[in-house]
Amino acid sequence: MHDRLKWLDHNGKKILYNDYRNLAGDEMLKPIEDMSGEIASLGKKDLLILLDFRNSFANKANIEALRKSGERNKAFYKKTAVLGITGIKKIFLEMINRLTNIGAKPFNSEEDAKNWLVA
């Protein structure tokens, strides 16, 4: 598992946590690629995914990489929660959801996100 990916246990269920905190621009590309490859290699269906974008700033290349990753791996996702989506980032999340149909849901609190994922 890559250093920005880890498994969390919450209420007896496993959540794959993807840490993009404090990244900007091209710094996000490698972690996005790592996450996408890790999900595909697991081959598991019904994954609970928590993406953490707090204090991060995407660019066009990141948005495209996230879209491609979501499209490529959506068959593995059961639910996706996202942290750090405020302001204009909500528009990007809506766009990715429309293009990939992954249904990622934004949350302000990590605890609320984890509770929603395991509900």
N, C-alpha and C. Protein backbone atom coordinates (compact mmCIF):
# COMPACT_ATOMS: atom_id res chain seq x y z
N MET A 1 0.86 -1.17 0.00
CA MET A 1 0.00 0.00 0.00
C MET A 1 0.90 1.24 0.00
N HIS A 2 0.52 2.24 -0.75
CA HIS A 2 1.31 3.47 -0.87
C HIS A 2 1.14 4.34 0.37
N ASP A 3 2.08 5.26 0.57
CA ASP A 3 2.08 6.03 1.81
C ASP A 3 0.87 6.95 1.97
N ARG A 4 0.18 7.28 0.93
CA ARG A 4 -1.02 8.12 1.05
C ARG A 4 -2.31 7.30 1.00
N LEU A 5 -2.19 6.00 1.01
CA LEU A 5 -3.34 5.10 1.05
C LEU A 5 -3.26 4.25 2.30
N LYS A 6 -4.37 4.11 2.99
CA LYS A 6 -4.39 3.22 4.14
C LYS A 6 -5.81 2.74 4.40
N TRP A 7 -5.88 1.61 5.07
CA TRP A 7 -7.17 1.07 5.46
C TRP A 7 -7.55 1.60 6.83
N LEU A 8 -8.79 2.03 6.97
CA LEU A 8 -9.35 2.44 8.25
C LEU A 8 -10.42 1.44 8.64
N ASP A 9 -10.53 1.16 9.92
CA ASP A 9 -11.62 0.35 10.44
C ASP A 9 -12.62 1.30 11.09
N HIS A 10 -13.88 1.17 10.71
CA HIS A 10 -14.92 2.01 11.31
C HIS A 10 -16.18 1.17 11.48
N ASN A 11 -16.58 1.01 12.71
CA ASN A 11 -17.77 0.20 13.03
C ASN A 11 -17.70 -1.19 12.40
N GLY A 12 -16.52 -1.77 12.41
CA GLY A 12 -16.35 -3.13 11.90
C GLY A 12 -16.24 -3.25 10.40
N LYS A 13 -16.17 -2.14 9.70
CA LYS A 13 -16.04 -2.18 8.24
C LYS A 13 -14.75 -1.49 7.81
N LYS A 14 -14.22 -1.92 6.66
CA LYS A 14 -12.98 -1.36 6.12
C LYS A 14 -13.27 -0.22 5.15
N ILE A 15 -12.53 0.87 5.31
CA ILE A 15 -12.63 2.03 4.43
C ILE A 15 -11.23 2.29 3.87
N LEU A 16 -11.14 2.45 2.55
CA LEU A 16 -9.87 2.80 1.93
C LEU A 16 -9.74 4.32 1.93
N TYR A 17 -8.79 4.82 2.73
CA TYR A 17 -8.55 6.25 2.90
C TYR A 17 -7.46 6.69 1.94
N ASN A 18 -7.78 7.74 1.16
CA ASN A 18 -6.86 8.29 0.17
C ASN A 18 -6.52 9.71 0.59
N ASP A 19 -5.27 9.96 0.96
CA ASP A 19 -4.84 11.24 1.53
C ASP A 19 -4.22 12.13 0.46
N TYR A 20 -4.97 13.18 0.10
CA TYR A 20 -4.46 14.19 -0.83
C TYR A 20 -4.28 15.53 -0.12
N ARG A 21 -4.29 15.53 1.21
CA ARG A 21 -4.18 16.78 1.96
C ARG A 21 -2.89 17.51 1.63
N ASN A 22 -3.01 18.83 1.58
CA ASN A 22 -1.87 19.74 1.41
C ASN A 22 -1.10 19.55 0.11
N LEU A 23 -1.75 19.02 -0.90
CA LEU A 23 -1.12 18.88 -2.21
C LEU A 23 -1.69 19.92 -3.16
N ALA A 24 -0.89 20.34 -4.10
CA ALA A 24 -1.34 21.30 -5.10
C ALA A 24 -0.79 20.93 -6.47
N GLY A 25 -1.62 21.21 -7.48
CA GLY A 25 -1.18 21.02 -8.85
C GLY A 25 -0.67 19.62 -9.15
N ASP A 26 0.49 19.55 -9.79
CA ASP A 26 1.03 18.28 -10.25
C ASP A 26 1.44 17.33 -9.12
N GLU A 27 1.55 17.85 -7.88
CA GLU A 27 1.86 16.97 -6.74
C GLU A 27 0.78 15.89 -6.56
N MET A 28 -0.41 16.14 -7.06
CA MET A 28 -1.52 15.20 -6.90
C MET A 28 -1.49 14.05 -7.90
N LEU A 29 -0.82 14.23 -9.01
CA LEU A 29 -0.91 13.24 -10.08
C LEU A 29 -0.41 11.85 -9.66
N LYS A 30 0.72 11.75 -9.01
CA LYS A 30 1.26 10.45 -8.59
C LYS A 30 0.34 9.77 -7.58
N PRO A 31 -0.12 10.48 -6.52
CA PRO A 31 -1.05 9.82 -5.60
C PRO A 31 -2.36 9.38 -6.26
N ILE A 32 -2.86 10.14 -7.22
CA ILE A 32 -4.07 9.74 -7.94
C ILE A 32 -3.80 8.46 -8.73
N GLU A 33 -2.68 8.42 -9.41
CA GLU A 33 -2.29 7.24 -10.18
C GLU A 33 -2.10 6.03 -9.26
N ASP A 34 -1.45 6.25 -8.12
CA ASP A 34 -1.24 5.16 -7.15
C ASP A 34 -2.58 4.60 -6.66
N MET A 35 -3.49 5.51 -6.31
CA MET A 35 -4.80 5.10 -5.81
C MET A 35 -5.54 4.30 -6.86
N SER A 36 -5.54 4.78 -8.07
CA SER A 36 -6.25 4.11 -9.15
C SER A 36 -5.70 2.71 -9.38
N GLY A 37 -4.38 2.59 -9.41
CA GLY A 37 -3.76 1.29 -9.60
C GLY A 37 -4.01 0.35 -8.44
N GLU A 38 -3.98 0.87 -7.23
CA GLU A 38 -4.22 0.06 -6.04
C GLU A 38 -5.64 -0.50 -6.04
N ILE A 39 -6.61 0.34 -6.37
CA ILE A 39 -8.00 -0.11 -6.40
C ILE A 39 -8.18 -1.20 -7.45
N ALA A 40 -7.61 -0.99 -8.62
CA ALA A 40 -7.72 -2.00 -9.68
C ALA A 40 -7.04 -3.31 -9.27
N SER A 41 -5.90 -3.22 -8.61
CA SER A 41 -5.17 -4.44 -8.23
C SER A 41 -5.88 -5.22 -7.12
N LEU A 42 -6.66 -4.54 -6.29
CA LEU A 42 -7.39 -5.23 -5.22
C LEU A 42 -8.45 -6.16 -5.80
N GLY A 43 -9.07 -5.72 -6.90
CA GLY A 43 -10.09 -6.53 -7.54
C GLY A 43 -11.33 -6.75 -6.69
N LYS A 44 -11.50 -5.97 -5.64
CA LYS A 44 -12.65 -6.11 -4.75
C LYS A 44 -13.79 -5.22 -5.21
N LYS A 45 -14.98 -5.72 -5.08
CA LYS A 45 -16.18 -4.92 -5.36
C LYS A 45 -16.65 -4.32 -4.04
N ASP A 46 -17.51 -3.33 -4.13
CA ASP A 46 -18.14 -2.73 -2.95
C ASP A 46 -17.17 -2.05 -2.00
N LEU A 47 -16.12 -1.43 -2.53
CA LEU A 47 -15.18 -0.70 -1.69
C LEU A 47 -15.82 0.58 -1.14
N LEU A 48 -15.49 0.88 0.09
CA LEU A 48 -15.86 2.14 0.71
C LEU A 48 -14.62 3.03 0.64
N ILE A 49 -14.76 4.17 -0.05
CA ILE A 49 -13.62 5.03 -0.35
C ILE A 49 -13.80 6.37 0.36
N LEU A 50 -12.75 6.84 1.03
CA LEU A 50 -12.73 8.18 1.62
C LEU A 50 -11.57 8.95 1.01
N LEU A 51 -11.90 9.99 0.25
CA LEU A 51 -10.91 10.85 -0.39
C LEU A 51 -10.79 12.12 0.45
N ASP A 52 -9.58 12.49 0.83
CA ASP A 52 -9.36 13.67 1.67
C ASP A 52 -8.58 14.73 0.90
N PHE A 53 -9.30 15.79 0.50
CA PHE A 53 -8.70 16.89 -0.26
C PHE A 53 -8.57 18.16 0.57
N ARG A 54 -8.58 18.04 1.90
CA ARG A 54 -8.48 19.23 2.73
C ARG A 54 -7.16 19.96 2.46
N ASN A 55 -7.29 21.26 2.29
CA ASN A 55 -6.15 22.15 2.04
C ASN A 55 -5.35 21.73 0.80
N SER A 56 -6.05 21.25 -0.21
CA SER A 56 -5.39 20.89 -1.46
C SER A 56 -5.99 21.71 -2.60
N PHE A 57 -5.25 21.80 -3.68
CA PHE A 57 -5.67 22.63 -4.80
C PHE A 57 -5.38 21.90 -6.11
N ALA A 58 -6.45 21.56 -6.81
CA ALA A 58 -6.32 20.80 -8.05
C ALA A 58 -6.13 21.72 -9.24
N ASN A 59 -5.63 21.15 -10.32
CA ASN A 59 -5.57 21.84 -11.59
C ASN A 59 -6.29 20.99 -12.64
N LYS A 60 -6.28 21.42 -13.86
CA LYS A 60 -7.00 20.71 -14.93
C LYS A 60 -6.52 19.27 -15.09
N ALA A 61 -5.21 19.06 -14.99
CA ALA A 61 -4.65 17.71 -15.13
C ALA A 61 -5.14 16.80 -14.00
N ASN A 62 -5.25 17.34 -12.78
CA ASN A 62 -5.75 16.55 -11.64
C ASN A 62 -7.19 16.15 -11.85
N ILE A 63 -8.00 17.10 -12.29
CA ILE A 63 -9.43 16.83 -12.51
C ILE A 63 -9.58 15.72 -13.55
N GLU A 64 -8.80 15.81 -14.61
CA GLU A 64 -8.85 14.79 -15.66
C GLU A 64 -8.38 13.44 -15.14
N ALA A 65 -7.32 13.43 -14.33
CA ALA A 65 -6.82 12.17 -13.76
C ALA A 65 -7.85 11.55 -12.82
N LEU A 66 -8.52 12.38 -12.02
CA LEU A 66 -9.57 11.88 -11.12
C LEU A 66 -10.75 11.33 -11.92
N ARG A 67 -11.11 12.03 -13.00
CA ARG A 67 -12.21 11.56 -13.84
C ARG A 67 -11.88 10.19 -14.44
N LYS A 68 -10.67 10.07 -14.98
CA LYS A 68 -10.26 8.80 -15.59
C LYS A 68 -10.20 7.68 -14.55
N SER A 69 -9.69 8.00 -13.37
CA SER A 69 -9.62 7.00 -12.31
C SER A 69 -11.02 6.55 -11.89
N GLY A 70 -11.92 7.52 -11.72
CA GLY A 70 -13.29 7.18 -11.35
C GLY A 70 -13.97 6.33 -12.40
N GLU A 71 -13.77 6.68 -13.65
CA GLU A 71 -14.37 5.92 -14.74
C GLU A 71 -13.80 4.50 -14.81
N ARG A 72 -12.50 4.40 -14.65
CA ARG A 72 -11.82 3.10 -14.73
C ARG A 72 -12.21 2.17 -13.59
N ASN A 73 -12.40 2.73 -12.40
CA ASN A 73 -12.59 1.91 -11.21
C ASN A 73 -13.99 1.92 -10.63
N LYS A 74 -14.93 2.59 -11.26
CA LYS A 74 -16.26 2.75 -10.64
C LYS A 74 -16.95 1.42 -10.35
N ALA A 75 -16.62 0.38 -11.05
CA ALA A 75 -17.23 -0.93 -10.79
C ALA A 75 -16.82 -1.49 -9.43
N PHE A 76 -15.72 -0.96 -8.87
CA PHE A 76 -15.23 -1.44 -7.57
C PHE A 76 -15.82 -0.66 -6.40
N TYR A 77 -16.40 0.52 -6.67
CA TYR A 77 -16.87 1.41 -5.60
C TYR A 77 -18.27 1.04 -5.15
N LYS A 78 -18.47 1.03 -3.85
CA LYS A 78 -19.82 0.96 -3.31
C LYS A 78 -20.26 2.37 -2.95
N LYS A 79 -19.43 3.08 -2.17
CA LYS A 79 -19.69 4.46 -1.78
C LYS A 79 -18.37 5.22 -1.74
N THR A 80 -18.45 6.50 -2.09
CA THR A 80 -17.29 7.37 -2.02
C THR A 80 -17.66 8.64 -1.28
N ALA A 81 -16.91 8.94 -0.22
CA ALA A 81 -17.07 10.19 0.53
C ALA A 81 -15.84 11.05 0.30
N VAL A 82 -16.04 12.37 0.30
CA VAL A 82 -14.95 13.28 0.01
C VAL A 82 -14.91 14.38 1.06
N LEU A 83 -13.71 14.66 1.57
CA LEU A 83 -13.48 15.74 2.53
C LEU A 83 -12.76 16.89 1.84
N GLY A 84 -13.00 18.12 2.32
CA GLY A 84 -12.28 19.28 1.81
C GLY A 84 -12.85 19.86 0.54
N ILE A 85 -14.11 19.57 0.26
CA ILE A 85 -14.74 20.09 -0.96
C ILE A 85 -15.61 21.29 -0.59
N THR A 86 -15.07 22.47 -0.85
CA THR A 86 -15.79 23.71 -0.58
C THR A 86 -15.66 24.63 -1.78
N GLY A 87 -16.51 25.61 -1.84
CA GLY A 87 -16.44 26.60 -2.91
C GLY A 87 -16.48 25.99 -4.30
N ILE A 88 -15.56 26.41 -5.13
CA ILE A 88 -15.54 25.96 -6.53
C ILE A 88 -15.24 24.47 -6.65
N LYS A 89 -14.61 23.89 -5.64
CA LYS A 89 -14.33 22.45 -5.67
C LYS A 89 -15.62 21.63 -5.77
N LYS A 90 -16.72 22.18 -5.25
CA LYS A 90 -18.01 21.47 -5.35
C LYS A 90 -18.44 21.33 -6.80
N ILE A 91 -18.16 22.34 -7.60
CA ILE A 91 -18.50 22.29 -9.03
C ILE A 91 -17.69 21.18 -9.71
N PHE A 92 -16.40 21.08 -9.38
CA PHE A 92 -15.57 20.02 -9.96
C PHE A 92 -16.06 18.64 -9.53
N LEU A 93 -16.46 18.50 -8.27
CA LEU A 93 -16.98 17.21 -7.81
C LEU A 93 -18.26 16.85 -8.55
N GLU A 94 -19.15 17.82 -8.72
CA GLU A 94 -20.39 17.58 -9.46
C GLU A 94 -20.09 17.14 -10.90
N MET A 95 -19.09 17.79 -11.52
CA MET A 95 -18.71 17.44 -12.88
C MET A 95 -18.17 16.00 -12.94
N ILE A 96 -17.30 15.64 -12.01
CA ILE A 96 -16.75 14.29 -12.00
C ILE A 96 -17.86 13.27 -11.75
N ASN A 97 -18.79 13.59 -10.85
CA ASN A 97 -19.91 12.69 -10.59
C ASN A 97 -20.76 12.49 -11.85
N ARG A 98 -21.02 13.56 -12.58
CA ARG A 98 -21.82 13.45 -13.81
C ARG A 98 -21.11 12.61 -14.86
N LEU A 99 -19.81 12.80 -14.98
CA LEU A 99 -19.05 12.09 -16.02
C LEU A 99 -18.79 10.63 -15.69
N THR A 100 -18.68 10.31 -14.41
CA THR A 100 -18.31 8.95 -14.02
C THR A 100 -19.43 8.18 -13.35
N ASN A 101 -20.43 8.89 -12.87
CA ASN A 101 -21.56 8.28 -12.16
C ASN A 101 -21.12 7.52 -10.90
N ILE A 102 -20.09 8.04 -10.18
CA ILE A 102 -19.64 7.38 -8.96
C ILE A 102 -20.41 7.86 -7.73
N GLY A 103 -21.08 9.00 -7.82
CA GLY A 103 -21.90 9.46 -6.72
C GLY A 103 -21.13 9.85 -5.48
N ALA A 104 -19.95 10.42 -5.64
CA ALA A 104 -19.16 10.87 -4.49
C ALA A 104 -19.91 11.97 -3.75
N LYS A 105 -19.89 11.89 -2.43
CA LYS A 105 -20.63 12.83 -1.59
C LYS A 105 -19.66 13.61 -0.71
N PRO A 106 -19.77 14.96 -0.72
CA PRO A 106 -18.87 15.77 0.10
C PRO A 106 -19.32 15.83 1.58
N PHE A 107 -18.34 15.90 2.47
CA PHE A 107 -18.58 16.02 3.91
C PHE A 107 -17.62 17.03 4.50
N ASN A 108 -18.05 17.67 5.58
CA ASN A 108 -17.19 18.62 6.31
C ASN A 108 -16.41 17.93 7.41
N SER A 109 -16.91 16.80 7.90
CA SER A 109 -16.26 16.11 9.01
C SER A 109 -15.90 14.69 8.62
N GLU A 110 -14.71 14.26 9.05
CA GLU A 110 -14.27 12.89 8.76
C GLU A 110 -15.19 11.87 9.42
N GLU A 111 -15.63 12.16 10.62
CA GLU A 111 -16.51 11.23 11.34
C GLU A 111 -17.84 11.07 10.60
N ASP A 112 -18.42 12.19 10.13
CA ASP A 112 -19.68 12.11 9.37
C ASP A 112 -19.49 11.31 8.08
N ALA A 113 -18.36 11.52 7.41
CA ALA A 113 -18.07 10.80 6.18
C ALA A 113 -17.96 9.30 6.44
N LYS A 114 -17.23 8.92 7.47
CA LYS A 114 -17.08 7.50 7.80
C LYS A 114 -18.43 6.88 8.20
N ASN A 115 -19.21 7.60 8.97
CA ASN A 115 -20.53 7.07 9.37
C ASN A 115 -21.42 6.84 8.16
N TRP A 116 -21.41 7.77 7.20
CA TRP A 116 -22.21 7.62 5.99
C TRP A 116 -21.74 6.42 5.17
N LEU A 117 -20.43 6.26 5.07
CA LEU A 117 -19.89 5.16 4.28
C LEU A 117 -20.33 3.80 4.82
N VAL A 118 -20.33 3.64 6.12
CA VAL A 118 -20.63 2.32 6.69
C VAL A 118 -22.12 2.11 6.96
N ALA A 119 -22.94 3.14 6.76
CA ALA A 119 -24.38 3.02 7.02
C ALA A 119 -25.06 2.13 5.99
